[in-house]
C-alpha atoms as a PDB file:
ATOM      1  CA  MET A   1      13.565 -12.505  27.561  1.00  0.00           C
ATOM      2  CA  LYS A   2      14.940 -10.335  30.460  1.00  0.00           C
ATOM      3  CA  ILE A   3      18.491 -10.773  29.230  1.00  0.00           C
ATOM      4  CA  ARG A   4      17.522  -9.032  25.919  1.00  0.00           C
ATOM      5  CA  ILE A   5      15.428  -6.369  27.668  1.00  0.00           C
ATOM      6  CA  ASP A   6      17.984  -5.456  30.137  1.00  0.00           C
ATOM      7  CA  ALA A   7      20.871  -5.382  27.258  1.00  0.00           C
ATOM      8  CA  LEU A   8      18.542  -2.821  25.627  1.00  0.00           C
ATOM      9  CA  ARG A   9      17.839  -0.731  28.540  1.00  0.00           C
ATOM     10  CA  ALA A  10      21.837  -0.653  28.959  1.00  0.00           C
ATOM     11  CA  SER A  11      21.945   1.265  25.738  1.00  0.00           C
ATOM     12  CA  PHE A  12      19.582   3.926  26.775  1.00  0.00           C
ATOM     13  CA  GLU A  13      21.978   6.462  28.071  1.00  0.00           C
ATOM     14  CA  ASN A  14      24.226   6.136  24.992  1.00  0.00           C
ATOM     15  CA  LEU A  15      21.153   6.524  22.960  1.00  0.00           C
ATOM     16  CA  GLY A  16      19.569   9.320  24.841  1.00  0.00           C
ATOM     17  CA  VAL A  17      16.251   7.916  25.304  1.00  0.00           C
ATOM     18  CA  ASP A  18      14.092   7.316  28.469  1.00  0.00           C
ATOM     19  CA  GLY A  19      12.306   4.252  26.663  1.00  0.00           C
ATOM     20  CA  VAL A  20      11.941   2.521  23.325  1.00  0.00           C
ATOM     21  CA  TYR A  21       8.814   1.660  21.483  1.00  0.00           C
ATOM     22  CA  LEU A  22       8.910  -1.603  19.073  1.00  0.00           C
ATOM     23  CA  THR A  23       6.515  -2.034  16.505  1.00  0.00           C
ATOM     24  CA  SER A  24       8.379  -4.589  13.877  1.00  0.00           C
ATOM     25  CA  ARG A  25       7.438  -8.156  13.857  1.00  0.00           C
ATOM     26  CA  THR A  26      11.004  -9.149  14.121  1.00  0.00           C
ATOM     27  CA  SER A  27      11.627  -6.916  17.382  1.00  0.00           C
ATOM     28  CA  HIS A  28       8.501  -8.453  18.641  1.00  0.00           C
ATOM     29  CA  ARG A  29       9.847 -12.073  18.441  1.00  0.00           C
ATOM     30  CA  TYR A  30      13.289 -11.200  19.221  1.00  0.00           C
ATOM     31  CA  PHE A  31      12.305  -9.660  22.684  1.00  0.00           C
ATOM     32  CA  THR A  32       9.401 -12.108  23.442  1.00  0.00           C
ATOM     33  CA  ARG A  33       9.872 -15.207  21.524  1.00  0.00           C
ATOM     34  CA  PHE A  34       6.463 -14.846  20.530  1.00  0.00           C
ATOM     35  CA  ASP A  35       5.280 -13.984  16.990  1.00  0.00           C
ATOM     36  CA  ASN A  36       2.704 -11.523  16.299  1.00  0.00           C
ATOM     37  CA  GLU A  37       2.805  -9.222  13.210  1.00  0.00           C
ATOM     38  CA  ASP A  38       0.518  -6.711  14.957  1.00  0.00           C
ATOM     39  CA  GLY A  39       1.955  -6.461  18.341  1.00  0.00           C
ATOM     40  CA  ALA A  40       4.092  -3.605  19.745  1.00  0.00           C
ATOM     41  CA  LEU A  41       6.199  -3.277  22.809  1.00  0.00           C
ATOM     42  CA  LEU A  42       7.279  -0.652  25.187  1.00  0.00           C
ATOM     43  CA  ILE A  43      10.529  -0.850  27.171  1.00  0.00           C
ATOM     44  CA  THR A  44      11.399   1.669  29.616  1.00  0.00           C
ATOM     45  CA  LYS A  45      13.792   2.249  32.439  1.00  0.00           C
ATOM     46  CA  SER A  46      11.799   0.323  34.773  1.00  0.00           C
ATOM     47  CA  ASN A  47       8.985  -1.826  33.117  1.00  0.00           C
ATOM     48  CA  ALA A  48       8.311  -3.373  29.996  1.00  0.00           C
ATOM     49  CA  TYR A  49       4.834  -3.694  28.295  1.00  0.00           C
ATOM     50  CA  ALA A  50       3.532  -6.018  25.466  1.00  0.00           C
ATOM     51  CA  PHE A  51       0.388  -4.393  23.614  1.00  0.00           C
ATOM     52  CA  GLU A  52      -1.457  -7.515  22.194  1.00  0.00           C
ATOM     53  CA  ASP A  53      -4.812  -7.475  20.376  1.00  0.00           C
ATOM     54  CA  PHE A  54      -7.752  -9.912  21.249  1.00  0.00           C
ATOM     55  CA  ARG A  55      -6.539 -12.553  18.886  1.00  0.00           C
ATOM     56  CA  TYR A  56      -3.260 -12.857  20.710  1.00  0.00           C
ATOM     57  CA  ILE A  57      -4.114 -11.607  24.348  1.00  0.00           C
ATOM     58  CA  GLU A  58      -4.569 -15.154  25.853  1.00  0.00           C
ATOM     59  CA  VAL A  59      -1.303 -16.716  24.373  1.00  0.00           C
ATOM     60  CA  ALA A  60       0.590 -13.484  25.034  1.00  0.00           C
ATOM     61  CA  THR A  61      -0.539 -13.520  28.748  1.00  0.00           C
ATOM     62  CA  ASN A  62       0.380 -17.251  29.204  1.00  0.00           C
ATOM     63  CA  THR A  63       3.791 -16.690  27.434  1.00  0.00           C
ATOM     64  CA  LEU A  64       4.990 -13.288  28.468  1.00  0.00           C
ATOM     65  CA  SER A  65       3.954 -12.825  32.431  1.00  0.00           C
ATOM     66  CA  GLY A  66       6.521 -12.422  34.444  1.00  0.00           C
ATOM     67  CA  ALA A  67       8.756 -10.214  31.882  1.00  0.00           C
ATOM     68  CA  PHE A  68       5.841  -8.129  30.458  1.00  0.00           C
ATOM     69  CA  THR A  69       2.931  -6.392  31.537  1.00  0.00           C
ATOM     70  CA  VAL A  70       0.409  -7.393  28.706  1.00  0.00           C
ATOM     71  CA  ILE A  71      -2.101  -4.872  27.712  1.00  0.00           C
ATOM     72  CA  GLU A  72      -5.045  -5.329  25.175  1.00  0.00           C
ATOM     73  CA  PRO A  73      -5.049  -1.790  23.667  1.00  0.00           C
ATOM     74  CA  LYS A  74      -8.579   0.008  23.825  1.00  0.00           C
ATOM     75  CA  GLY A  75      -9.401   3.217  21.996  1.00  0.00           C
ATOM     76  CA  LYS A  76      -6.835   5.457  20.593  1.00  0.00           C
ATOM     77  CA  ARG A  77      -3.012   4.780  20.905  1.00  0.00           C
ATOM     78  CA  SER A  78      -2.442   8.612  21.829  1.00  0.00           C
ATOM     79  CA  GLU A  79      -4.557   7.586  24.975  1.00  0.00           C
ATOM     80  CA  TRP A  80      -3.099   4.323  26.102  1.00  0.00           C
ATOM     81  CA  LEU A  81       0.367   4.837  24.956  1.00  0.00           C
ATOM     82  CA  GLY A  82       0.376   8.463  25.930  1.00  0.00           C
ATOM     83  CA  ASP A  83      -0.726   7.790  29.443  1.00  0.00           C
ATOM     84  CA  ILE A  84       2.008   5.017  30.134  1.00  0.00           C
ATOM     85  CA  LEU A  85       4.612   7.387  28.583  1.00  0.00           C
ATOM     86  CA  LYS A  86       3.695  10.289  30.962  1.00  0.00           C
ATOM     87  CA  ARG A  87       3.391   7.820  34.067  1.00  0.00           C
ATOM     88  CA  GLU A  88       6.851   6.309  33.181  1.00  0.00           C
ATOM     89  CA  GLU A  89       8.369   9.995  32.584  1.00  0.00           C
ATOM     90  CA  VAL A  90       9.512   9.140  28.904  1.00  0.00           C
ATOM     91  CA  SER A  91      10.353  12.557  27.383  1.00  0.00           C
ATOM     92  CA  ARG A  92      12.589  10.769  24.737  1.00  0.00           C
ATOM     93  CA  LEU A  93      11.299   7.659  22.833  1.00  0.00           C
ATOM     94  CA  GLY A  94      13.333   5.455  20.748  1.00  0.00           C
ATOM     95  CA  PHE A  95      11.560   4.102  17.634  1.00  0.00           C
ATOM     96  CA  GLU A  96      12.461   1.522  14.846  1.00  0.00           C
ATOM     97  CA  ASP A  97      13.492   3.939  11.925  1.00  0.00           C
ATOM     98  CA  LEU A  98      14.694   1.295   9.694  1.00  0.00           C
ATOM     99  CA  SER A  99      11.335  -0.615   9.711  1.00  0.00           C
ATOM    100  CA  MET A 100       8.626   2.082  10.383  1.00  0.00           C
ATOM    101  CA  SER A 101       7.047   3.738   7.354  1.00  0.00           C
ATOM    102  CA  VAL A 102       6.927   7.479   7.119  1.00  0.00           C
ATOM    103  CA  SER A 103       3.251   7.462   7.383  1.00  0.00           C
ATOM    104  CA  ALA A 104       3.578   5.566  10.613  1.00  0.00           C
ATOM    105  CA  TYR A 105       6.280   7.870  11.854  1.00  0.00           C
ATOM    106  CA  GLU A 106       4.047  10.622  11.322  1.00  0.00           C
ATOM    107  CA  ARG A 107       0.992   8.982  13.005  1.00  0.00           C
ATOM    108  CA  LEU A 108       3.282   8.382  15.957  1.00  0.00           C
ATOM    109  CA  LYS A 109       4.495  11.817  16.265  1.00  0.00           C
ATOM    110  CA  LEU A 110       0.845  12.892  16.474  1.00  0.00           C
ATOM    111  CA  ASP A 111       0.128  10.290  19.207  1.00  0.00           C
ATOM    112  CA  VAL A 112       2.816  11.016  21.638  1.00  0.00           C
ATOM    113  CA  SER A 113       4.390  14.145  23.099  1.00  0.00           C
ATOM    114  CA  ALA A 114       7.905  12.623  23.604  1.00  0.00           C
ATOM    115  CA  THR A 115      10.626  13.520  21.244  1.00  0.00           C
ATOM    116  CA  LEU A 116      11.433  10.543  18.949  1.00  0.00           C
ATOM    117  CA  VAL A 117      14.644   9.145  18.434  1.00  0.00           C
ATOM    118  CA  PRO A 118      15.929   6.419  15.956  1.00  0.00           C
ATOM    119  CA  VAL A 119      17.370   3.223  17.364  1.00  0.00           C
ATOM    120  CA  ASN A 120      17.277   0.540  14.842  1.00  0.00           C
ATOM    121  CA  ASN A 121      21.016   0.050  14.297  1.00  0.00           C
ATOM    122  CA  THR A 122      21.312  -0.834  18.176  1.00  0.00           C
ATOM    123  CA  ILE A 123      18.886  -3.374  18.065  1.00  0.00           C
ATOM    124  CA  ASN A 124      20.604  -4.791  14.945  1.00  0.00           C
ATOM    125  CA  LYS A 125      23.808  -5.054  16.411  1.00  0.00           C
ATOM    126  CA  MET A 126      22.503  -6.703  19.319  1.00  0.00           C
ATOM    127  CA  ARG A 127      20.946  -9.372  16.883  1.00  0.00           C
ATOM    128  CA  GLU A 128      24.337  -9.750  15.108  1.00  0.00           C
ATOM    129  CA  ILE A 129      25.744 -12.243  17.685  1.00  0.00           C
ATOM    130  CA  LYS A 130      23.741 -15.433  18.067  1.00  0.00           C
ATOM    131  CA  THR A 131      23.304 -17.207  21.282  1.00  0.00           C
ATOM    132  CA  GLU A 132      23.638 -20.979  21.797  1.00  0.00           C
ATOM    133  CA  ASP A 133      19.700 -21.099  21.600  1.00  0.00           C
ATOM    134  CA  GLU A 134      19.522 -19.252  18.297  1.00  0.00           C
ATOM    135  CA  VAL A 135      22.526 -21.335  16.718  1.00  0.00           C
ATOM    136  CA  LEU A 136      20.495 -24.422  17.770  1.00  0.00           C
ATOM    137  CA  LYS A 137      17.348 -23.294  15.883  1.00  0.00           C
ATOM    138  CA  MET A 138      19.419 -22.430  12.984  1.00  0.00           C
ATOM    139  CA  GLU A 139      21.092 -25.780  12.916  1.00  0.00           C
ATOM    140  CA  LYS A 140      17.763 -27.312  13.109  1.00  0.00           C
ATOM    141  CA  ALA A 141      16.617 -25.280  10.077  1.00  0.00           C
ATOM    142  CA  GLN A 142      19.631 -26.261   7.884  1.00  0.00           C
ATOM    143  CA  GLU A 143      19.402 -29.819   8.880  1.00  0.00           C
ATOM    144  CA  LEU A 144      15.829 -29.667   7.264  1.00  0.00           C
ATOM    145  CA  THR A 145      17.401 -27.953   4.395  1.00  0.00           C
ATOM    146  CA  ASP A 146      19.969 -30.452   3.804  1.00  0.00           C
ATOM    147  CA  LYS A 147      17.420 -33.326   4.063  1.00  0.00           C
ATOM    148  CA  ALA A 148      15.519 -31.529   1.492  1.00  0.00           C
ATOM    149  CA  PHE A 149      18.352 -31.339  -0.900  1.00  0.00           C
ATOM    150  CA  ALA A 150      19.005 -35.044  -0.482  1.00  0.00           C
ATOM    151  CA  HIS A 151      15.240 -35.854  -1.156  1.00  0.00           C
ATOM    152  CA  ILE A 152      14.947 -33.898  -4.265  1.00  0.00           C
ATOM    153  CA  LEU A 153      18.198 -35.616  -5.784  1.00  0.00           C
ATOM    154  CA  THR A 154      16.070 -38.806  -5.570  1.00  0.00           C
ATOM    155  CA  MET A 155      13.354 -37.224  -7.702  1.00  0.00           C
ATOM    156  CA  LEU A 156      14.874 -34.841 -10.161  1.00  0.00           C
ATOM    157  CA  SER A 157      14.135 -35.902 -13.977  1.00  0.00           C
ATOM    158  CA  PRO A 158      13.813 -34.040 -17.104  1.00  0.00           C
ATOM    159  CA  ASN A 159       9.843 -34.644 -16.753  1.00  0.00           C
ATOM    160  CA  MET A 160       9.785 -32.285 -13.729  1.00  0.00           C
ATOM    161  CA  THR A 161       9.054 -28.694 -14.007  1.00  0.00           C
ATOM    162  CA  GLU A 162      10.881 -25.704 -12.196  1.00  0.00           C
ATOM    163  CA  ASN A 163       7.698 -25.268 -10.096  1.00  0.00           C
ATOM    164  CA  ASP A 164       7.714 -28.900  -9.230  1.00  0.00           C
ATOM    165  CA  VAL A 165      11.241 -28.673  -7.753  1.00  0.00           C
ATOM    166  CA  ALA A 166      10.292 -25.534  -5.811  1.00  0.00           C
ATOM    167  CA  SER A 167       7.177 -26.980  -4.588  1.00  0.00           C
ATOM    168  CA  GLU A 168       8.485 -30.243  -3.508  1.00  0.00           C
ATOM    169  CA  LEU A 169      11.475 -28.837  -1.481  1.00  0.00           C
ATOM    170  CA  GLU A 170       8.941 -26.472   0.380  1.00  0.00           C
ATOM    171  CA  TYR A 171       6.535 -29.390   0.829  1.00  0.00           C
ATOM    172  CA  PHE A 172       9.241 -31.635   2.274  1.00  0.00           C
ATOM    173  CA  MET A 173      10.482 -28.944   4.702  1.00  0.00           C
ATOM    174  CA  ARG A 174       7.181 -28.160   6.173  1.00  0.00           C
ATOM    175  CA  LYS A 175       5.983 -31.841   6.420  1.00  0.00           C
ATOM    176  CA  ASN A 176       9.294 -32.452   8.417  1.00  0.00           C
ATOM    177  CA  GLY A 177       9.071 -29.946  10.799  1.00  0.00           C
ATOM    178  CA  ALA A 178       9.684 -26.371   9.316  1.00  0.00           C
ATOM    179  CA  GLU A 179       7.505 -23.572  10.293  1.00  0.00           C
ATOM    180  CA  ASP A 180       7.759 -22.053   7.015  1.00  0.00           C
ATOM    181  CA  LYS A 181      10.165 -21.506   4.080  1.00  0.00           C
ATOM    182  CA  SER A 182      12.863 -18.814   4.548  1.00  0.00           C
ATOM    183  CA  PHE A 183      12.144 -16.947   1.389  1.00  0.00           C
ATOM    184  CA  GLU A 184      10.749 -17.690  -2.124  1.00  0.00           C
ATOM    185  CA  THR A 185      12.485 -20.773  -3.288  1.00  0.00           C
ATOM    186  CA  ILE A 186      14.665 -20.482  -6.474  1.00  0.00           C
ATOM    187  CA  ALA A 187      14.805 -23.287  -8.907  1.00  0.00           C
ATOM    188  CA  VAL A 188      16.009 -22.265 -12.446  1.00  0.00           C
ATOM    189  CA  SER A 189      17.408 -24.348 -15.148  1.00  0.00           C
ATOM    190  CA  GLY A 190      19.177 -24.172 -18.386  1.00  0.00           C
ATOM    191  CA  GLU A 191      19.885 -20.599 -19.442  1.00  0.00           C
ATOM    192  CA  LYS A 192      17.645 -19.361 -16.554  1.00  0.00           C
ATOM    193  CA  SER A 193      20.421 -20.547 -14.010  1.00  0.00           C
ATOM    194  CA  SER A 194      22.245 -17.336 -15.098  1.00  0.00           C
ATOM    195  CA  LEU A 195      19.703 -15.184 -13.297  1.00  0.00           C
ATOM    196  CA  PRO A 196      20.809 -14.900  -9.637  1.00  0.00           C
ATOM    197  CA  HIS A 197      17.189 -14.542  -8.468  1.00  0.00           C
ATOM    198  CA  GLY A 198      15.391 -16.237 -11.063  1.00  0.00           C
ATOM    199  CA  VAL A 199      11.732 -17.232 -10.674  1.00  0.00           C
ATOM    200  CA  PRO A 200      10.659 -20.655 -11.145  1.00  0.00           C
ATOM    201  CA  GLY A 201       8.329 -21.243 -14.021  1.00  0.00           C
ATOM    202  CA  ASN A 202       5.986 -23.963 -15.005  1.00  0.00           C
ATOM    203  CA  ILE A 203       8.536 -25.276 -17.551  1.00  0.00           C
ATOM    204  CA  LYS A 204      10.345 -28.533 -17.681  1.00  0.00           C
ATOM    205  CA  LEU A 205      13.890 -28.689 -16.517  1.00  0.00           C
ATOM    206  CA  LYS A 206      16.301 -28.044 -19.318  1.00  0.00           C
ATOM    207  CA  LYS A 207      19.598 -29.588 -19.843  1.00  0.00           C
ATOM    208  CA  GLY A 208      22.501 -27.695 -18.222  1.00  0.00           C
ATOM    209  CA  PHE A 209      22.801 -26.154 -14.813  1.00  0.00           C
ATOM    210  CA  LEU A 210      19.941 -26.370 -12.153  1.00  0.00           C
ATOM    211  CA  THR A 211      20.249 -23.899  -9.333  1.00  0.00           C
ATOM    212  CA  MET A 212      18.147 -24.314  -5.986  1.00  0.00           C
ATOM    213  CA  ASP A 213      18.104 -21.597  -3.502  1.00  0.00           C
ATOM    214  CA  PHE A 214      16.106 -22.398  -0.541  1.00  0.00           C
ATOM    215  CA  GLY A 215      15.835 -22.454   3.282  1.00  0.00           C
ATOM    216  CA  ALA A 216      13.542 -23.507   6.159  1.00  0.00           C
ATOM    217  CA  THR A 217      12.372 -21.473   9.173  1.00  0.00           C
ATOM    218  CA  VAL A 218      12.411 -23.032  12.819  1.00  0.00           C
ATOM    219  CA  ASP A 219      10.909 -20.968  15.586  1.00  0.00           C
ATOM    220  CA  GLY A 220      11.552 -17.925  13.465  1.00  0.00           C
ATOM    221  CA  TYR A 221      15.006 -18.561  12.574  1.00  0.00           C
ATOM    222  CA  HIS A 222      16.089 -19.030   8.928  1.00  0.00           C
ATOM    223  CA  SER A 223      18.575 -21.198   6.778  1.00  0.00           C
ATOM    224  CA  ASP A 224      19.848 -20.411   3.531  1.00  0.00           C
ATOM    225  CA  MET A 225      21.563 -22.874   1.071  1.00  0.00           C
ATOM    226  CA  THR A 226      22.145 -22.998  -2.533  1.00  0.00           C
ATOM    227  CA  ARG A 227      23.158 -25.971  -4.757  1.00  0.00           C
ATOM    228  CA  THR A 228      23.662 -26.125  -8.341  1.00  0.00           C
ATOM    229  CA  VAL A 229      23.645 -29.544 -10.144  1.00  0.00           C
ATOM    230  CA  SER A 230      23.947 -30.665 -13.758  1.00  0.00           C
ATOM    231  CA  ILE A 231      20.843 -31.790 -15.772  1.00  0.00           C
ATOM    232  CA  GLY A 232      22.945 -34.407 -18.051  1.00  0.00           C
ATOM    233  CA  LYS A 233      26.530 -34.517 -18.372  1.00  0.00           C
ATOM    234  CA  ALA A 234      28.425 -31.261 -17.836  1.00  0.00           C
ATOM    235  CA  ASP A 235      30.857 -30.127 -20.582  1.00  0.00           C
ATOM    236  CA  GLU A 236      34.462 -28.877 -19.920  1.00  0.00           C
ATOM    237  CA  GLU A 237      33.512 -25.137 -19.625  1.00  0.00           C
ATOM    238  CA  MET A 238      30.581 -25.943 -17.046  1.00  0.00           C
ATOM    239  CA  LYS A 239      33.069 -28.002 -15.245  1.00  0.00           C
ATOM    240  CA  ARG A 240      35.500 -25.258 -15.087  1.00  0.00           C
ATOM    241  CA  ILE A 241      32.795 -22.662 -14.049  1.00  0.00           C
ATOM    242  CA  TYR A 242      31.726 -24.931 -11.424  1.00  0.00           C
ATOM    243  CA  ASN A 243      35.177 -25.800  -9.967  1.00  0.00           C
ATOM    244  CA  THR A 244      35.909 -21.977 -10.098  1.00  0.00           C
ATOM    245  CA  VAL A 245      33.008 -21.292  -7.837  1.00  0.00           C
ATOM    246  CA  PHE A 246      33.820 -24.319  -5.608  1.00  0.00           C
ATOM    247  CA  ASN A 247      37.455 -23.079  -5.063  1.00  0.00           C
ATOM    248  CA  ALA A 248      36.264 -19.444  -4.201  1.00  0.00           C
ATOM    249  CA  GLN A 249      34.060 -20.754  -1.647  1.00  0.00           C
ATOM    250  CA  ALA A 250      36.498 -22.999  -0.130  1.00  0.00           C
ATOM    251  CA  GLU A 251      39.096 -20.235  -0.021  1.00  0.00           C
ATOM    252  CA  ALA A 252      36.608 -17.888   1.773  1.00  0.00           C
ATOM    253  CA  MET A 253      35.712 -20.315   4.180  1.00  0.00           C
ATOM    254  CA  LYS A 254      39.376 -21.035   4.954  1.00  0.00           C
ATOM    255  CA  TYR A 255      39.775 -17.313   5.509  1.00  0.00           C
ATOM    256  CA  ILE A 256      36.711 -16.403   7.621  1.00  0.00           C
ATOM    257  CA  LYS A 257      37.166 -16.077  11.390  1.00  0.00           C
ATOM    258  CA  ALA A 258      36.716 -13.616  14.314  1.00  0.00           C
ATOM    259  CA  GLY A 259      38.595 -10.385  13.353  1.00  0.00           C
ATOM    260  CA  VAL A 260      38.410 -10.658   9.802  1.00  0.00           C
ATOM    261  CA  ASN A 261      37.008  -7.567   7.794  1.00  0.00           C
ATOM    262  CA  CYS A 262      33.990  -8.585   6.016  1.00  0.00           C
ATOM    263  CA  LYS A 263      35.474  -6.854   2.826  1.00  0.00           C
ATOM    264  CA  GLU A 264      38.553  -8.864   2.693  1.00  0.00           C
ATOM    265  CA  ALA A 265      36.593 -12.109   2.923  1.00  0.00           C
ATOM    266  CA  ASP A 266      34.701 -11.166  -0.058  1.00  0.00           C
ATOM    267  CA  LYS A 267      37.870 -10.212  -1.988  1.00  0.00           C
ATOM    268  CA  VAL A 268      39.574 -13.552  -1.250  1.00  0.00           C
ATOM    269  CA  ALA A 269      36.538 -15.367  -3.041  1.00  0.00           C
ATOM    270  CA  ARG A 270      36.473 -12.648  -5.691  1.00  0.00           C
ATOM    271  CA  ASP A 271      40.033 -12.880  -6.532  1.00  0.00           C
ATOM    272  CA  VAL A 272      39.606 -16.586  -7.249  1.00  0.00           C
ATOM    273  CA  ILE A 273      36.980 -15.961  -9.686  1.00  0.00           C
ATOM    274  CA  THR A 274      38.619 -12.965 -11.328  1.00  0.00           C
ATOM    275  CA  ASP A 275      41.850 -15.023 -11.575  1.00  0.00           C
ATOM    276  CA  ALA A 276      40.016 -17.647 -13.490  1.00  0.00           C
ATOM    277  CA  GLY A 277      38.751 -14.881 -15.830  1.00  0.00           C
ATOM    278  CA  TYR A 278      35.016 -14.676 -14.587  1.00  0.00           C
ATOM    279  CA  GLY A 279      35.334 -11.574 -12.450  1.00  0.00           C
ATOM    280  CA  GLU A 280      32.667  -9.597 -14.572  1.00  0.00           C
ATOM    281  CA  TYR A 281      30.291 -12.518 -14.082  1.00  0.00           C
ATOM    282  CA  PHE A 282      30.216 -12.328 -10.131  1.00  0.00           C
ATOM    283  CA  GLY A 283      27.855  -9.225  -9.221  1.00  0.00           C
ATOM    284  CA  HIS A 284      26.792  -9.747  -5.768  1.00  0.00           C
ATOM    285  CA  SER A 285      28.357  -9.956  -2.397  1.00  0.00           C
ATOM    286  CA  LEU A 286      29.994 -12.951  -0.987  1.00  0.00           C
ATOM    287  CA  GLY A 287      27.317 -13.426   1.752  1.00  0.00           C
ATOM    288  CA  HIS A 288      25.055 -11.896   4.367  1.00  0.00           C
ATOM    289  CA  SER A 289      24.266 -12.590   7.929  1.00  0.00           C
ATOM    290  CA  LEU A 290      20.688 -14.153   8.895  1.00  0.00           C
ATOM    291  CA  GLY A 291      18.687 -15.081  11.757  1.00  0.00           C
ATOM    292  CA  LEU A 292      15.118 -13.996  12.379  1.00  0.00           C
ATOM    293  CA  GLU A 293      15.442 -12.206   9.009  1.00  0.00           C
ATOM    294  CA  ILE A 294      17.012 -13.795   6.004  1.00  0.00           C
ATOM    295  CA  HIS A 295      19.169 -10.734   5.335  1.00  0.00           C
ATOM    296  CA  GLU A 296      20.914  -9.231   8.581  1.00  0.00           C
ATOM    297  CA  MET A 297      24.056  -7.437   9.482  1.00  0.00           C
ATOM    298  CA  PRO A 298      26.995  -7.845   8.844  1.00  0.00           C
ATOM    299  CA  SER A 299      27.332  -8.328   5.065  1.00  0.00           C
ATOM    300  CA  CYS A 300      30.306  -9.611   3.449  1.00  0.00           C
ATOM    301  CA  SER A 301      30.329  -7.226   0.366  1.00  0.00           C
ATOM    302  CA  PRO A 302      33.073  -5.389  -1.437  1.00  0.00           C
ATOM    303  CA  ARG A 303      31.864  -2.168   0.324  1.00  0.00           C
ATOM    304  CA  SER A 304      31.448  -3.375   3.885  1.00  0.00           C
ATOM    305  CA  GLU A 305      33.308  -1.865   6.751  1.00  0.00           C
ATOM    306  CA  ASP A 306      32.178  -4.567   9.281  1.00  0.00           C
ATOM    307  CA  THR A 307      34.313  -7.136  11.186  1.00  0.00           C
ATOM    308  CA  LEU A 308      33.372 -10.567  11.781  1.00  0.00           C
ATOM    309  CA  VAL A 309      33.101 -11.471  15.532  1.00  0.00           C
ATOM    310  CA  VAL A 310      32.475 -14.636  17.392  1.00  0.00           C
ATOM    311  CA  GLY A 311      28.826 -15.597  16.938  1.00  0.00           C
ATOM    312  CA  ASN A 312      28.061 -14.222  13.710  1.00  0.00           C
ATOM    313  CA  ILE A 313      26.487 -16.666  11.263  1.00  0.00           C
ATOM    314  CA  VAL A 314      26.944 -15.607   7.721  1.00  0.00           C
ATOM    315  CA  THR A 315      26.498 -17.414   4.401  1.00  0.00           C
ATOM    316  CA  VAL A 316      29.375 -17.769   1.933  1.00  0.00           C
ATOM    317  CA  GLU A 317      27.901 -17.857  -1.827  1.00  0.00           C
ATOM    318  CA  PRO A 318      30.107 -16.817  -4.547  1.00  0.00           C
ATOM    319  CA  GLY A 319      28.505 -17.205  -8.073  1.00  0.00           C
ATOM    320  CA  ILE A 320      29.474 -16.882 -12.028  1.00  0.00           C
ATOM    321  CA  TYR A 321      26.479 -16.015 -14.118  1.00  0.00           C
ATOM    322  CA  ILE A 322      26.734 -15.822 -17.856  1.00  0.00           C
ATOM    323  CA  PRO A 323      23.923 -14.164 -19.314  1.00  0.00           C
ATOM    324  CA  GLY A 324      21.818 -16.245 -21.587  1.00  0.00           C
ATOM    325  CA  LYS A 325      24.019 -19.466 -20.961  1.00  0.00           C
ATOM    326  CA  TYR A 326      24.147 -20.534 -17.524  1.00  0.00           C
ATOM    327  CA  GLY A 327      25.183 -19.781 -13.814  1.00  0.00           C
ATOM    328  CA  VAL A 328      26.462 -21.317 -10.999  1.00  0.00           C
ATOM    329  CA  ARG A 329      26.058 -20.618  -7.202  1.00  0.00           C
ATOM    330  CA  ILE A 330      27.161 -22.565  -4.268  1.00  0.00           C
ATOM    331  CA  GLU A 331      25.986 -21.471  -0.889  1.00  0.00           C
ATOM    332  CA  ASN A 332      26.962 -22.661   2.729  1.00  0.00           C
ATOM    333  CA  MET A 333      26.120 -21.169   6.058  1.00  0.00           C
ATOM    334  CA  VAL A 334      28.606 -20.830   8.588  1.00  0.00           C
ATOM    335  CA  LEU A 335      29.088 -19.906  12.255  1.00  0.00           C
ATOM    336  CA  VAL A 336      32.094 -17.614  12.885  1.00  0.00           C
ATOM    337  CA  THR A 337      34.551 -18.728  15.626  1.00  0.00           C
ATOM    338  CA  GLU A 338      37.540 -17.475  17.162  1.00  0.00           C
ATOM    339  CA  ASN A 339      40.062 -19.360  14.861  1.00  0.00           C
ATOM    340  CA  GLY A 340      38.021 -20.055  11.794  1.00  0.00           C
ATOM    341  CA  CYS A 341      34.356 -21.009  11.003  1.00  0.00           C
ATOM    342  CA  GLU A 342      32.059 -23.832  11.572  1.00  0.00           C
ATOM    343  CA  ASN A 343      30.068 -25.025   8.436  1.00  0.00           C
ATOM    344  CA  LEU A 344      26.513 -25.695   9.456  1.00  0.00           C
ATOM    345  CA  THR A 345      25.628 -27.015   5.838  1.00  0.00           C
ATOM    346  CA  ASN A 346      26.245 -30.750   5.937  1.00  0.00           C
ATOM    347  CA  CYS A 347      25.390 -31.783   2.426  1.00  0.00           C
ATOM    348  CA  ASP A 348      28.061 -32.069  -0.254  1.00  0.00           C
ATOM    349  CA  ASN A 349      28.879 -29.235  -2.564  1.00  0.00           C
ATOM    350  CA  ALA A 350      30.845 -31.096  -5.247  1.00  0.00           C
ATOM    351  CA  LEU A 351      29.518 -31.144  -8.856  1.00  0.00           C
ATOM    352  CA  ILE A 352      26.653 -33.610  -9.239  1.00  0.00           C
ATOM    353  CA  GLU A 353      25.669 -34.902 -12.850  1.00  0.00           C
ATOM    354  CA  LEU A 354      22.194 -36.413 -13.269  1.00  0.00           C
END
């Protein structure tokens, strides 16, 4: 905790602030390793405060003592927060502009006399590079995701519904140690596989492609994987589409390393798909970073100006989606290294026909 607090303090001069007030659930967990969606933190040049309500005050006191002064707020925020800001001589206060609503911002302006300064980009940049501990948590989350995929392959049949598949994947991950799913699981078959973010329904699996996009959360950290399988034998066009996506992913993973421009990584995969004649059917970006949130920076998109650095974890997920017919996406999660990338996804991505 202290390392992250000190890293934020080191940015105060550049930001032009005397302290930072953090109200997002994600930042609370990042700086405290303790989850409270209603908690708030104040980090000043000399001290760090954690404001925790009655439901969490005991665990917060036991968890955060030494790094934070834990306070159970009483009364109006203008009083307990305002008093501390005056005592700490905070005249310019950083706030989380990307996560705070307009109404919350307006209320904060009324509650404090300090000038409010946006700081979210600074915090997001801190979170881009994963520590060894963060990598281990994400590896554990991905291990559960890999095992869930192996499990579902033993069960898939035309008698299952899309909801059955999604529910079984989520149940398996929770039963085997996941804190939660990473996001709403996608499991869509037949012509619905052409929907990149299709919603599972209470309908039986249809012949053709079945796309499953899912992940687990471990200690707040997410995994993300997509696998597409064929229900029944794949025809020649299905094989051609699948192999095109497979090759696009492989080329991108060969290209990704520290120093690579994210836009260029996207282009490597996009060129493979375009050269095969399917360019118009790849409408999303190659991938995104993830960690405490399922979508973080940097993003490997055609418009990105970011450059990959050692410690980034990004998804590599090209896809082809032909409306009303079928779609294919294959997604791995990789750790960027000096000379390449380490694939954190350990299950096979070759075409499986069931």
